[in-house]
């Protein structure tokens, strides 16, 4: 092995295992941009004004539930005298339980459909210490600085992740918290992309990439890992219907026919019905000081 070859291999190893902030940010941007371009190349695809409105109900849950391991960890981080800001609050799955324990919660949510579900859940739960802001980060914000800033399954598809994390940390005095899967949720349906669209799916960054980026930024993230059940559906038809959205397939098209065949070929039996994988999903709860 020549000295030049050794030097090149060392440089590659450094970039791969110990990227600089600039390298980690560039890699994140590249993955997000490539995933978006892959979708935009599809000749026939849904073009919703509010992407999350049709599934907003799935992002709500009983604010007083006691059977959620992720929520148990989150509530252990909440101090009653503190304020929290939840960026990408969705339908309030975690926002509302946190509001029941914290002094006040500021919920940032760009989707009108999600905000409607969140507002209804707050009213039904008798929660009045919640302020909802129709904002998309990174961007202009009327949110105040809080004691803790929180994201749950937000960031996977944010190309400007550096400014986003800057803004998140600027709005937190004590703690930043992120809940992410080891692989972005679109990965659950990734095996279907090749047979339906003729190329491998570009996968978005997720938990491991966030940890790499935080270390590159000089933070000291703490990780608590949990396992979540695999995605499962009662029958093959329900699996196909659920797959249309992450596959960007319109009903009744040629792509939908290919999707039906791919689902039949790749579906596996689970304890709850049918899915595309038998293994549970790994989920991380990351905390760090801003």
C-alpha atoms as a PDB file:
ATOM      1  CA  UNK A   1       0.000   0.000   0.000  1.00  0.00           C
ATOM      2  CA  UNK A   2       1.433   3.363  -1.000  1.00  0.00           C
ATOM      3  CA  UNK A   3       1.694   6.250   1.443  1.00  0.00           C
ATOM      4  CA  UNK A   4      -0.738   8.202  -0.748  1.00  0.00           C
ATOM      5  CA  UNK A   5      -3.263   5.395  -0.588  1.00  0.00           C
ATOM      6  CA  UNK A   6      -2.958   5.215   3.191  1.00  0.00           C
ATOM      7  CA  UNK A   7      -3.493   8.958   3.444  1.00  0.00           C
ATOM      8  CA  UNK A   8      -6.598   8.818   1.255  1.00  0.00           C
ATOM      9  CA  UNK A   9      -8.042   5.950   3.265  1.00  0.00           C
ATOM     10  CA  UNK A  10      -7.430   7.808   6.514  1.00  0.00           C
ATOM     11  CA  UNK A  11      -9.113  10.921   5.143  1.00  0.00           C
ATOM     12  CA  UNK A  12     -12.117   8.823   4.061  1.00  0.00           C
ATOM     13  CA  UNK A  13     -12.293   7.177   7.471  1.00  0.00           C
ATOM     14  CA  UNK A  14     -12.238  10.584   9.180  1.00  0.00           C
ATOM     15  CA  UNK A  15     -15.020  11.939   6.977  1.00  0.00           C
ATOM     16  CA  UNK A  16     -17.109   8.798   7.410  1.00  0.00           C
ATOM     17  CA  UNK A  17     -16.829   8.283  11.163  1.00  0.00           C
ATOM     18  CA  UNK A  18     -15.950  11.792  12.378  1.00  0.00           C
ATOM     19  CA  UNK A  19     -17.495  14.264   9.943  1.00  0.00           C
ATOM     20  CA  UNK A  20     -17.152  17.991  10.474  1.00  0.00           C
ATOM     21  CA  UNK A  21     -20.277  20.077  11.010  1.00  0.00           C
ATOM     22  CA  UNK A  22     -20.148  21.189   7.378  1.00  0.00           C
ATOM     23  CA  UNK A  23     -19.787  17.613   6.135  1.00  0.00           C
ATOM     24  CA  UNK A  24     -22.636  16.310   8.302  1.00  0.00           C
ATOM     25  CA  UNK A  25     -24.929  19.172   7.253  1.00  0.00           C
ATOM     26  CA  UNK A  26     -24.073  18.664   3.580  1.00  0.00           C
ATOM     27  CA  UNK A  27     -24.783  14.942   3.812  1.00  0.00           C
ATOM     28  CA  UNK A  28     -28.148  15.596   5.501  1.00  0.00           C
ATOM     29  CA  UNK A  29     -29.094  18.165   2.829  1.00  0.00           C
ATOM     30  CA  UNK A  30     -28.104  15.758   0.065  1.00  0.00           C
ATOM     31  CA  UNK A  31     -30.332  12.953   1.362  1.00  0.00           C
ATOM     32  CA  UNK A  32     -33.353  15.212   1.883  1.00  0.00           C
ATOM     33  CA  UNK A  33     -32.965  16.869  -1.516  1.00  0.00           C
ATOM     34  CA  UNK A  34     -32.518  13.508  -3.262  1.00  0.00           C
ATOM     35  CA  UNK A  35     -35.621  12.061  -1.573  1.00  0.00           C
ATOM     36  CA  UNK A  36     -37.705  15.073  -2.585  1.00  0.00           C
ATOM     37  CA  UNK A  37     -36.417  14.941  -6.171  1.00  0.00           C
ATOM     38  CA  UNK A  38     -37.255  11.240  -6.345  1.00  0.00           C
ATOM     39  CA  UNK A  39     -40.867  11.993  -5.456  1.00  0.00           C
ATOM     40  CA  UNK A  40     -41.123  14.999  -7.768  1.00  0.00           C
ATOM     41  CA  UNK A  41     -39.966  12.896 -10.738  1.00  0.00           C
ATOM     42  CA  UNK A  42     -43.059  10.702 -10.500  1.00  0.00           C
ATOM     43  CA  UNK A  43     -45.328  11.505 -13.460  1.00  0.00           C
ATOM     44  CA  UNK A  44     -48.550  10.775 -11.570  1.00  0.00           C
ATOM     45  CA  UNK A  45     -48.648  11.525  -7.877  1.00  0.00           C
ATOM     46  CA  UNK A  46     -50.882  13.126  -5.254  1.00  0.00           C
ATOM     47  CA  UNK A  47     -50.395  16.871  -4.834  1.00  0.00           C
ATOM     48  CA  UNK A  48     -52.148  17.737  -1.556  1.00  0.00           C
ATOM     49  CA  UNK A  49     -52.123  21.303  -0.246  1.00  0.00           C
ATOM     50  CA  UNK A  50     -51.970  19.969   3.326  1.00  0.00           C
ATOM     51  CA  UNK A  51     -50.035  16.682   3.221  1.00  0.00           C
ATOM     52  CA  UNK A  52     -50.935  15.718   6.789  1.00  0.00           C
ATOM     53  CA  UNK A  53     -54.623  16.679   6.840  1.00  0.00           C
ATOM     54  CA  UNK A  54     -55.899  13.250   5.651  1.00  0.00           C
ATOM     55  CA  UNK A  55     -54.039  11.431   8.441  1.00  0.00           C
ATOM     56  CA  UNK A  56     -54.184  14.057  11.193  1.00  0.00           C
ATOM     57  CA  UNK A  57     -56.485  11.950  13.366  1.00  0.00           C
ATOM     58  CA  UNK A  58     -53.749   9.309  13.639  1.00  0.00           C
ATOM     59  CA  UNK A  59     -51.537  11.836  15.434  1.00  0.00           C
ATOM     60  CA  UNK A  60     -53.855  12.260  18.418  1.00  0.00           C
ATOM     61  CA  UNK A  61     -54.148  10.134  21.552  1.00  0.00           C
ATOM     62  CA  UNK A  62     -55.641  10.185  25.046  1.00  0.00           C
ATOM     63  CA  UNK A  63     -53.795  12.938  26.909  1.00  0.00           C
ATOM     64  CA  UNK A  64     -54.061  10.978  30.173  1.00  0.00           C
ATOM     65  CA  UNK A  65     -52.991   7.548  28.881  1.00  0.00           C
ATOM     66  CA  UNK A  66     -50.669   5.452  31.025  1.00  0.00           C
ATOM     67  CA  UNK A  67     -49.573   2.752  28.570  1.00  0.00           C
ATOM     68  CA  UNK A  68     -47.066   4.713  26.470  1.00  0.00           C
ATOM     69  CA  UNK A  69     -43.394   4.020  27.235  1.00  0.00           C
ATOM     70  CA  UNK A  70     -42.168   7.006  25.216  1.00  0.00           C
ATOM     71  CA  UNK A  71     -44.551   9.320  27.015  1.00  0.00           C
ATOM     72  CA  UNK A  72     -43.374   7.991  30.375  1.00  0.00           C
ATOM     73  CA  UNK A  73     -39.806   9.033  29.531  1.00  0.00           C
ATOM     74  CA  UNK A  74     -40.910  12.441  28.256  1.00  0.00           C
ATOM     75  CA  UNK A  75     -42.998  13.200  31.335  1.00  0.00           C
ATOM     76  CA  UNK A  76     -40.035  12.334  33.541  1.00  0.00           C
ATOM     77  CA  UNK A  77     -38.228  15.266  31.896  1.00  0.00           C
ATOM     78  CA  UNK A  78     -41.001  17.792  32.527  1.00  0.00           C
ATOM     79  CA  UNK A  79     -40.757  20.116  35.522  1.00  0.00           C
ATOM     80  CA  UNK A  80     -44.113  21.583  36.615  1.00  0.00           C
ATOM     81  CA  UNK A  81     -42.778  25.133  36.907  1.00  0.00           C
ATOM     82  CA  UNK A  82     -41.309  25.148  33.382  1.00  0.00           C
ATOM     83  CA  UNK A  83     -42.548  26.027  29.913  1.00  0.00           C
ATOM     84  CA  UNK A  84     -42.093  23.793  26.858  1.00  0.00           C
ATOM     85  CA  UNK A  85     -42.169  24.458  23.139  1.00  0.00           C
ATOM     86  CA  UNK A  86     -43.219  21.582  20.872  1.00  0.00           C
ATOM     87  CA  UNK A  87     -42.143  22.118  17.261  1.00  0.00           C
ATOM     88  CA  UNK A  88     -44.252  20.053  14.890  1.00  0.00           C
ATOM     89  CA  UNK A  89     -46.841  19.313  17.552  1.00  0.00           C
ATOM     90  CA  UNK A  90     -49.137  17.478  15.150  1.00  0.00           C
ATOM     91  CA  UNK A  91     -52.418  16.350  16.654  1.00  0.00           C
ATOM     92  CA  UNK A  92     -51.051  16.614  20.188  1.00  0.00           C
ATOM     93  CA  UNK A  93     -50.039  13.019  20.898  1.00  0.00           C
ATOM     94  CA  UNK A  94     -47.282  14.246  23.225  1.00  0.00           C
ATOM     95  CA  UNK A  95     -48.101  17.961  23.367  1.00  0.00           C
ATOM     96  CA  UNK A  96     -51.255  17.547  25.427  1.00  0.00           C
ATOM     97  CA  UNK A  97     -49.831  15.169  28.075  1.00  0.00           C
ATOM     98  CA  UNK A  98     -46.856  17.508  28.481  1.00  0.00           C
ATOM     99  CA  UNK A  99     -49.268  20.436  28.885  1.00  0.00           C
ATOM    100  CA  UNK A 100     -50.979  18.594  31.729  1.00  0.00           C
ATOM    101  CA  UNK A 101     -47.691  18.597  33.624  1.00  0.00           C
ATOM    102  CA  UNK A 102     -45.838  21.762  32.505  1.00  0.00           C
ATOM    103  CA  UNK A 103     -46.761  25.339  33.375  1.00  0.00           C
ATOM    104  CA  UNK A 104     -47.345  26.247  29.724  1.00  0.00           C
ATOM    105  CA  UNK A 105     -46.725  24.736  26.286  1.00  0.00           C
ATOM    106  CA  UNK A 106     -46.235  26.522  22.973  1.00  0.00           C
ATOM    107  CA  UNK A 107     -47.162  24.271  20.048  1.00  0.00           C
ATOM    108  CA  UNK A 108     -45.687  25.085  16.636  1.00  0.00           C
ATOM    109  CA  UNK A 109     -47.605  23.348  13.841  1.00  0.00           C
ATOM    110  CA  UNK A 110     -47.779  24.366  10.147  1.00  0.00           C
ATOM    111  CA  UNK A 111     -50.578  21.963   9.118  1.00  0.00           C
ATOM    112  CA  UNK A 112     -54.103  23.354   9.459  1.00  0.00           C
ATOM    113  CA  UNK A 113     -55.485  19.825   9.640  1.00  0.00           C
ATOM    114  CA  UNK A 114     -53.164  18.961  12.495  1.00  0.00           C
ATOM    115  CA  UNK A 115     -53.965  22.197  14.339  1.00  0.00           C
ATOM    116  CA  UNK A 116     -57.679  21.392  14.176  1.00  0.00           C
ATOM    117  CA  UNK A 117     -57.127  17.979  15.763  1.00  0.00           C
ATOM    118  CA  UNK A 118     -54.825  19.516  18.385  1.00  0.00           C
ATOM    119  CA  UNK A 119     -57.351  22.219  19.301  1.00  0.00           C
ATOM    120  CA  UNK A 120     -60.147  19.695  19.631  1.00  0.00           C
ATOM    121  CA  UNK A 121     -58.025  17.428  21.814  1.00  0.00           C
ATOM    122  CA  UNK A 122     -57.066  20.320  24.082  1.00  0.00           C
ATOM    123  CA  UNK A 123     -60.720  21.290  24.510  1.00  0.00           C
ATOM    124  CA  UNK A 124     -61.815  17.707  25.221  1.00  0.00           C
ATOM    125  CA  UNK A 125     -59.023  17.309  27.795  1.00  0.00           C
ATOM    126  CA  UNK A 126     -59.741  20.622  29.509  1.00  0.00           C
ATOM    127  CA  UNK A 127     -56.286  22.002  28.703  1.00  0.00           C
ATOM    128  CA  UNK A 128     -56.041  25.792  28.690  1.00  0.00           C
ATOM    129  CA  UNK A 129     -52.296  26.360  29.140  1.00  0.00           C
ATOM    130  CA  UNK A 130     -51.544  25.708  25.456  1.00  0.00           C
ATOM    131  CA  UNK A 131     -50.757  28.301  22.793  1.00  0.00           C
ATOM    132  CA  UNK A 132     -50.730  27.136  19.167  1.00  0.00           C
ATOM    133  CA  UNK A 133     -48.614  28.908  16.539  1.00  0.00           C
ATOM    134  CA  UNK A 134     -49.147  28.337  12.804  1.00  0.00           C
ATOM    135  CA  UNK A 135     -45.457  28.414  11.885  1.00  0.00           C
ATOM    136  CA  UNK A 136     -42.972  26.387   9.882  1.00  0.00           C
ATOM    137  CA  UNK A 137     -39.401  26.212  11.175  1.00  0.00           C
ATOM    138  CA  UNK A 138     -36.808  27.311  10.348  1.00  0.00           C
ATOM    139  CA  UNK A 139     -38.446  30.667   9.813  1.00  0.00           C
ATOM    140  CA  UNK A 140     -39.937  33.709  11.480  1.00  0.00           C
ATOM    141  CA  UNK A 141     -41.467  32.881  14.855  1.00  0.00           C
ATOM    142  CA  UNK A 142     -43.540  34.555  17.536  1.00  0.00           C
ATOM    143  CA  UNK A 143     -42.745  31.781  20.003  1.00  0.00           C
ATOM    144  CA  UNK A 144     -40.985  32.853  23.202  1.00  0.00           C
ATOM    145  CA  UNK A 145     -37.915  31.178  24.641  1.00  0.00           C
ATOM    146  CA  UNK A 146     -39.017  28.233  26.783  1.00  0.00           C
ATOM    147  CA  UNK A 147     -37.257  26.047  29.312  1.00  0.00           C
ATOM    148  CA  UNK A 148     -37.355  23.012  27.019  1.00  0.00           C
ATOM    149  CA  UNK A 149     -37.719  22.595  23.263  1.00  0.00           C
ATOM    150  CA  UNK A 150     -39.107  19.345  21.891  1.00  0.00           C
ATOM    151  CA  UNK A 151     -39.518  17.616  18.537  1.00  0.00           C
ATOM    152  CA  UNK A 152     -41.159  14.275  17.863  1.00  0.00           C
ATOM    153  CA  UNK A 153     -40.617  12.660  14.449  1.00  0.00           C
ATOM    154  CA  UNK A 154     -39.717  16.052  13.027  1.00  0.00           C
ATOM    155  CA  UNK A 155     -36.542  16.757  11.087  1.00  0.00           C
ATOM    156  CA  UNK A 156     -36.368  13.752   8.783  1.00  0.00           C
ATOM    157  CA  UNK A 157     -37.301  15.840   5.728  1.00  0.00           C
ATOM    158  CA  UNK A 158     -35.964  19.254   6.799  1.00  0.00           C
ATOM    159  CA  UNK A 159     -33.222  20.151   4.344  1.00  0.00           C
ATOM    160  CA  UNK A 160     -32.072  23.190   6.322  1.00  0.00           C
ATOM    161  CA  UNK A 161     -31.418  21.106   9.433  1.00  0.00           C
ATOM    162  CA  UNK A 162     -28.615  23.389  10.652  1.00  0.00           C
ATOM    163  CA  UNK A 163     -30.811  26.515  10.880  1.00  0.00           C
ATOM    164  CA  UNK A 164     -33.613  24.363  12.293  1.00  0.00           C
ATOM    165  CA  UNK A 165     -31.450  23.100  15.155  1.00  0.00           C
ATOM    166  CA  UNK A 166     -30.093  26.614  15.689  1.00  0.00           C
ATOM    167  CA  UNK A 167     -33.651  27.903  16.087  1.00  0.00           C
ATOM    168  CA  UNK A 168     -34.663  24.994  18.316  1.00  0.00           C
ATOM    169  CA  UNK A 169     -31.715  25.564  20.643  1.00  0.00           C
ATOM    170  CA  UNK A 170     -32.275  29.335  20.660  1.00  0.00           C
ATOM    171  CA  UNK A 171     -35.769  28.689  22.040  1.00  0.00           C
ATOM    172  CA  UNK A 172     -34.593  26.458  24.908  1.00  0.00           C
ATOM    173  CA  UNK A 173     -32.983  27.528  28.166  1.00  0.00           C
ATOM    174  CA  UNK A 174     -32.408  24.140  29.817  1.00  0.00           C
ATOM    175  CA  UNK A 175     -33.052  21.199  27.535  1.00  0.00           C
ATOM    176  CA  UNK A 176     -33.625  20.024  23.968  1.00  0.00           C
ATOM    177  CA  UNK A 177     -35.482  16.755  23.369  1.00  0.00           C
ATOM    178  CA  UNK A 178     -35.927  14.781  20.144  1.00  0.00           C
ATOM    179  CA  UNK A 179     -37.857  11.571  19.508  1.00  0.00           C
ATOM    180  CA  UNK A 180     -36.887   9.853  16.256  1.00  0.00           C
ATOM    181  CA  UNK A 181     -36.917   6.401  14.742  1.00  0.00           C
ATOM    182  CA  UNK A 182     -33.618   4.783  13.827  1.00  0.00           C
ATOM    183  CA  UNK A 183     -34.902   4.872  10.250  1.00  0.00           C
ATOM    184  CA  UNK A 184     -37.308   7.494   8.931  1.00  0.00           C
ATOM    185  CA  UNK A 185     -40.948   6.336   8.772  1.00  0.00           C
ATOM    186  CA  UNK A 186     -40.858   6.155   4.957  1.00  0.00           C
ATOM    187  CA  UNK A 187     -38.422   3.262   5.426  1.00  0.00           C
ATOM    188  CA  UNK A 188     -41.321   1.086   6.579  1.00  0.00           C
ATOM    189  CA  UNK A 189     -42.613   1.028   2.997  1.00  0.00           C
ATOM    190  CA  UNK A 190     -39.257   1.302   1.194  1.00  0.00           C
ATOM    191  CA  UNK A 191     -39.253  -2.347  -0.046  1.00  0.00           C
ATOM    192  CA  UNK A 192     -42.231  -1.472  -2.251  1.00  0.00           C
ATOM    193  CA  UNK A 193     -40.530   1.407  -4.068  1.00  0.00           C
ATOM    194  CA  UNK A 194     -38.393  -0.662  -6.442  1.00  0.00           C
ATOM    195  CA  UNK A 195     -41.218  -2.872  -7.790  1.00  0.00           C
ATOM    196  CA  UNK A 196     -43.604   0.082  -8.057  1.00  0.00           C
ATOM    197  CA  UNK A 197     -41.311   2.851  -9.345  1.00  0.00           C
ATOM    198  CA  UNK A 198     -38.345   0.946 -10.771  1.00  0.00           C
ATOM    199  CA  UNK A 199     -35.562   2.233  -8.513  1.00  0.00           C
ATOM    200  CA  UNK A 200     -34.445   1.890  -4.878  1.00  0.00           C
ATOM    201  CA  UNK A 201     -35.988   4.279  -2.377  1.00  0.00           C
ATOM    202  CA  UNK A 202     -33.855   7.177  -1.189  1.00  0.00           C
ATOM    203  CA  UNK A 203     -34.033   7.059   2.610  1.00  0.00           C
ATOM    204  CA  UNK A 204     -34.179  10.192   4.706  1.00  0.00           C
ATOM    205  CA  UNK A 205     -31.811  10.835   7.629  1.00  0.00           C
ATOM    206  CA  UNK A 206     -33.071   9.836  11.054  1.00  0.00           C
ATOM    207  CA  UNK A 207     -31.861   9.043  14.575  1.00  0.00           C
ATOM    208  CA  UNK A 208     -28.296   7.920  13.880  1.00  0.00           C
ATOM    209  CA  UNK A 209     -27.701  10.877  11.559  1.00  0.00           C
ATOM    210  CA  UNK A 210     -29.041  13.303  14.162  1.00  0.00           C
ATOM    211  CA  UNK A 211     -26.649  11.895  16.757  1.00  0.00           C
ATOM    212  CA  UNK A 212     -23.746  12.253  14.322  1.00  0.00           C
ATOM    213  CA  UNK A 213     -24.732  15.839  13.615  1.00  0.00           C
ATOM    214  CA  UNK A 214     -25.104  16.722  17.298  1.00  0.00           C
ATOM    215  CA  UNK A 215     -21.666  15.332  18.115  1.00  0.00           C
ATOM    216  CA  UNK A 216     -20.220  17.264  15.171  1.00  0.00           C
ATOM    217  CA  UNK A 217     -21.859  20.415  16.570  1.00  0.00           C
ATOM    218  CA  UNK A 218     -20.067  19.880  19.872  1.00  0.00           C
ATOM    219  CA  UNK A 219     -23.099  18.705  21.844  1.00  0.00           C
ATOM    220  CA  UNK A 220     -23.191  15.772  24.262  1.00  0.00           C
ATOM    221  CA  UNK A 221     -26.434  13.972  23.441  1.00  0.00           C
ATOM    222  CA  UNK A 222     -27.902  11.400  25.790  1.00  0.00           C
ATOM    223  CA  UNK A 223     -29.834   8.518  24.205  1.00  0.00           C
ATOM    224  CA  UNK A 224     -32.532   6.312  25.647  1.00  0.00           C
ATOM    225  CA  UNK A 225     -33.642   3.607  23.212  1.00  0.00           C
ATOM    226  CA  UNK A 226     -36.963   1.801  23.072  1.00  0.00           C
ATOM    227  CA  UNK A 227     -38.605  -0.666  20.727  1.00  0.00           C
ATOM    228  CA  UNK A 228     -41.913   0.071  19.026  1.00  0.00           C
ATOM    229  CA  UNK A 229     -44.120  -2.551  17.360  1.00  0.00           C
ATOM    230  CA  UNK A 230     -43.677  -3.084  13.630  1.00  0.00           C
ATOM    231  CA  UNK A 231     -46.196  -1.416  11.321  1.00  0.00           C
ATOM    232  CA  UNK A 232     -49.073  -3.838  10.955  1.00  0.00           C
ATOM    233  CA  UNK A 233     -52.451  -3.827   9.187  1.00  0.00           C
ATOM    234  CA  UNK A 234     -55.464  -6.119   9.542  1.00  0.00           C
ATOM    235  CA  UNK A 235     -55.401  -7.386   5.937  1.00  0.00           C
ATOM    236  CA  UNK A 236     -53.621  -7.046   2.601  1.00  0.00           C
ATOM    237  CA  UNK A 237     -56.103  -4.460   1.328  1.00  0.00           C
ATOM    238  CA  UNK A 238     -55.511  -2.203   4.341  1.00  0.00           C
ATOM    239  CA  UNK A 239     -51.750  -2.514   3.848  1.00  0.00           C
ATOM    240  CA  UNK A 240     -52.062  -1.496   0.198  1.00  0.00           C
ATOM    241  CA  UNK A 241     -54.269   1.466   1.084  1.00  0.00           C
ATOM    242  CA  UNK A 242     -51.807   2.633   3.745  1.00  0.00           C
ATOM    243  CA  UNK A 243     -48.890   2.234   1.329  1.00  0.00           C
ATOM    244  CA  UNK A 244     -50.343   4.576  -1.298  1.00  0.00           C
ATOM    245  CA  UNK A 245     -49.439   7.698   0.648  1.00  0.00           C
ATOM    246  CA  UNK A 246     -45.737   6.936   1.347  1.00  0.00           C
ATOM    247  CA  UNK A 247     -45.433   5.510  -2.191  1.00  0.00           C
ATOM    248  CA  UNK A 248     -47.082   8.627  -3.688  1.00  0.00           C
ATOM    249  CA  UNK A 249     -49.494   6.484  -5.697  1.00  0.00           C
ATOM    250  CA  UNK A 250     -52.925   7.543  -6.945  1.00  0.00           C
ATOM    251  CA  UNK A 251     -55.741   4.961  -6.780  1.00  0.00           C
ATOM    252  CA  UNK A 252     -56.653   3.327 -10.059  1.00  0.00           C
ATOM    253  CA  UNK A 253     -53.375   4.078 -11.836  1.00  0.00           C
ATOM    254  CA  UNK A 254     -50.856   1.687 -13.348  1.00  0.00           C
ATOM    255  CA  UNK A 255     -48.607   2.385 -10.358  1.00  0.00           C
ATOM    256  CA  UNK A 256     -51.456   1.319  -8.080  1.00  0.00           C
ATOM    257  CA  UNK A 257     -51.694  -1.987  -9.929  1.00  0.00           C
ATOM    258  CA  UNK A 258     -47.956  -2.533  -9.469  1.00  0.00           C
ATOM    259  CA  UNK A 259     -48.357  -1.598  -5.803  1.00  0.00           C
ATOM    260  CA  UNK A 260     -51.070  -4.220  -5.329  1.00  0.00           C
ATOM    261  CA  UNK A 261     -48.788  -6.879  -6.798  1.00  0.00           C
ATOM    262  CA  UNK A 262     -45.810  -5.772  -4.721  1.00  0.00           C
ATOM    263  CA  UNK A 263     -47.847  -5.806  -1.512  1.00  0.00           C
ATOM    264  CA  UNK A 264     -49.079  -9.331  -2.208  1.00  0.00           C
ATOM    265  CA  UNK A 265     -45.518 -10.468  -2.939  1.00  0.00           C
ATOM    266  CA  UNK A 266     -43.759  -8.798  -0.016  1.00  0.00           C
ATOM    267  CA  UNK A 267     -46.314  -8.779   2.815  1.00  0.00           C
ATOM    268  CA  UNK A 268     -45.505 -10.927   5.842  1.00  0.00           C
ATOM    269  CA  UNK A 269     -47.758 -12.085   8.621  1.00  0.00           C
ATOM    270  CA  UNK A 270     -47.454 -10.329  11.967  1.00  0.00           C
ATOM    271  CA  UNK A 271     -49.177 -10.845  15.285  1.00  0.00           C
ATOM    272  CA  UNK A 272     -51.690  -8.131  14.342  1.00  0.00           C
ATOM    273  CA  UNK A 273     -52.166  -9.024  10.669  1.00  0.00           C
ATOM    274  CA  UNK A 274     -49.858  -8.071   7.819  1.00  0.00           C
ATOM    275  CA  UNK A 275     -46.819  -5.851   7.412  1.00  0.00           C
ATOM    276  CA  UNK A 276     -43.569  -5.537   5.506  1.00  0.00           C
ATOM    277  CA  UNK A 277     -41.228  -6.510   8.346  1.00  0.00           C
ATOM    278  CA  UNK A 278     -41.351  -8.816  11.332  1.00  0.00           C
ATOM    279  CA  UNK A 279     -38.900  -6.954  13.528  1.00  0.00           C
ATOM    280  CA  UNK A 280     -39.880  -4.150  15.938  1.00  0.00           C
ATOM    281  CA  UNK A 281     -38.750  -0.619  15.156  1.00  0.00           C
ATOM    282  CA  UNK A 282     -36.026   1.067  17.209  1.00  0.00           C
ATOM    283  CA  UNK A 283     -36.852   4.501  18.573  1.00  0.00           C
ATOM    284  CA  UNK A 284     -34.577   6.915  20.390  1.00  0.00           C
ATOM    285  CA  UNK A 285     -35.282   9.699  22.859  1.00  0.00           C
ATOM    286  CA  UNK A 286     -32.356  12.124  22.610  1.00  0.00           C
ATOM    287  CA  UNK A 287     -31.681  14.931  25.074  1.00  0.00           C
ATOM    288  CA  UNK A 288     -28.982  17.560  25.062  1.00  0.00           C
ATOM    289  CA  UNK A 289     -28.192  20.937  26.565  1.00  0.00           C
ATOM    290  CA  UNK A 290     -28.687  23.845  24.159  1.00  0.00           C
END
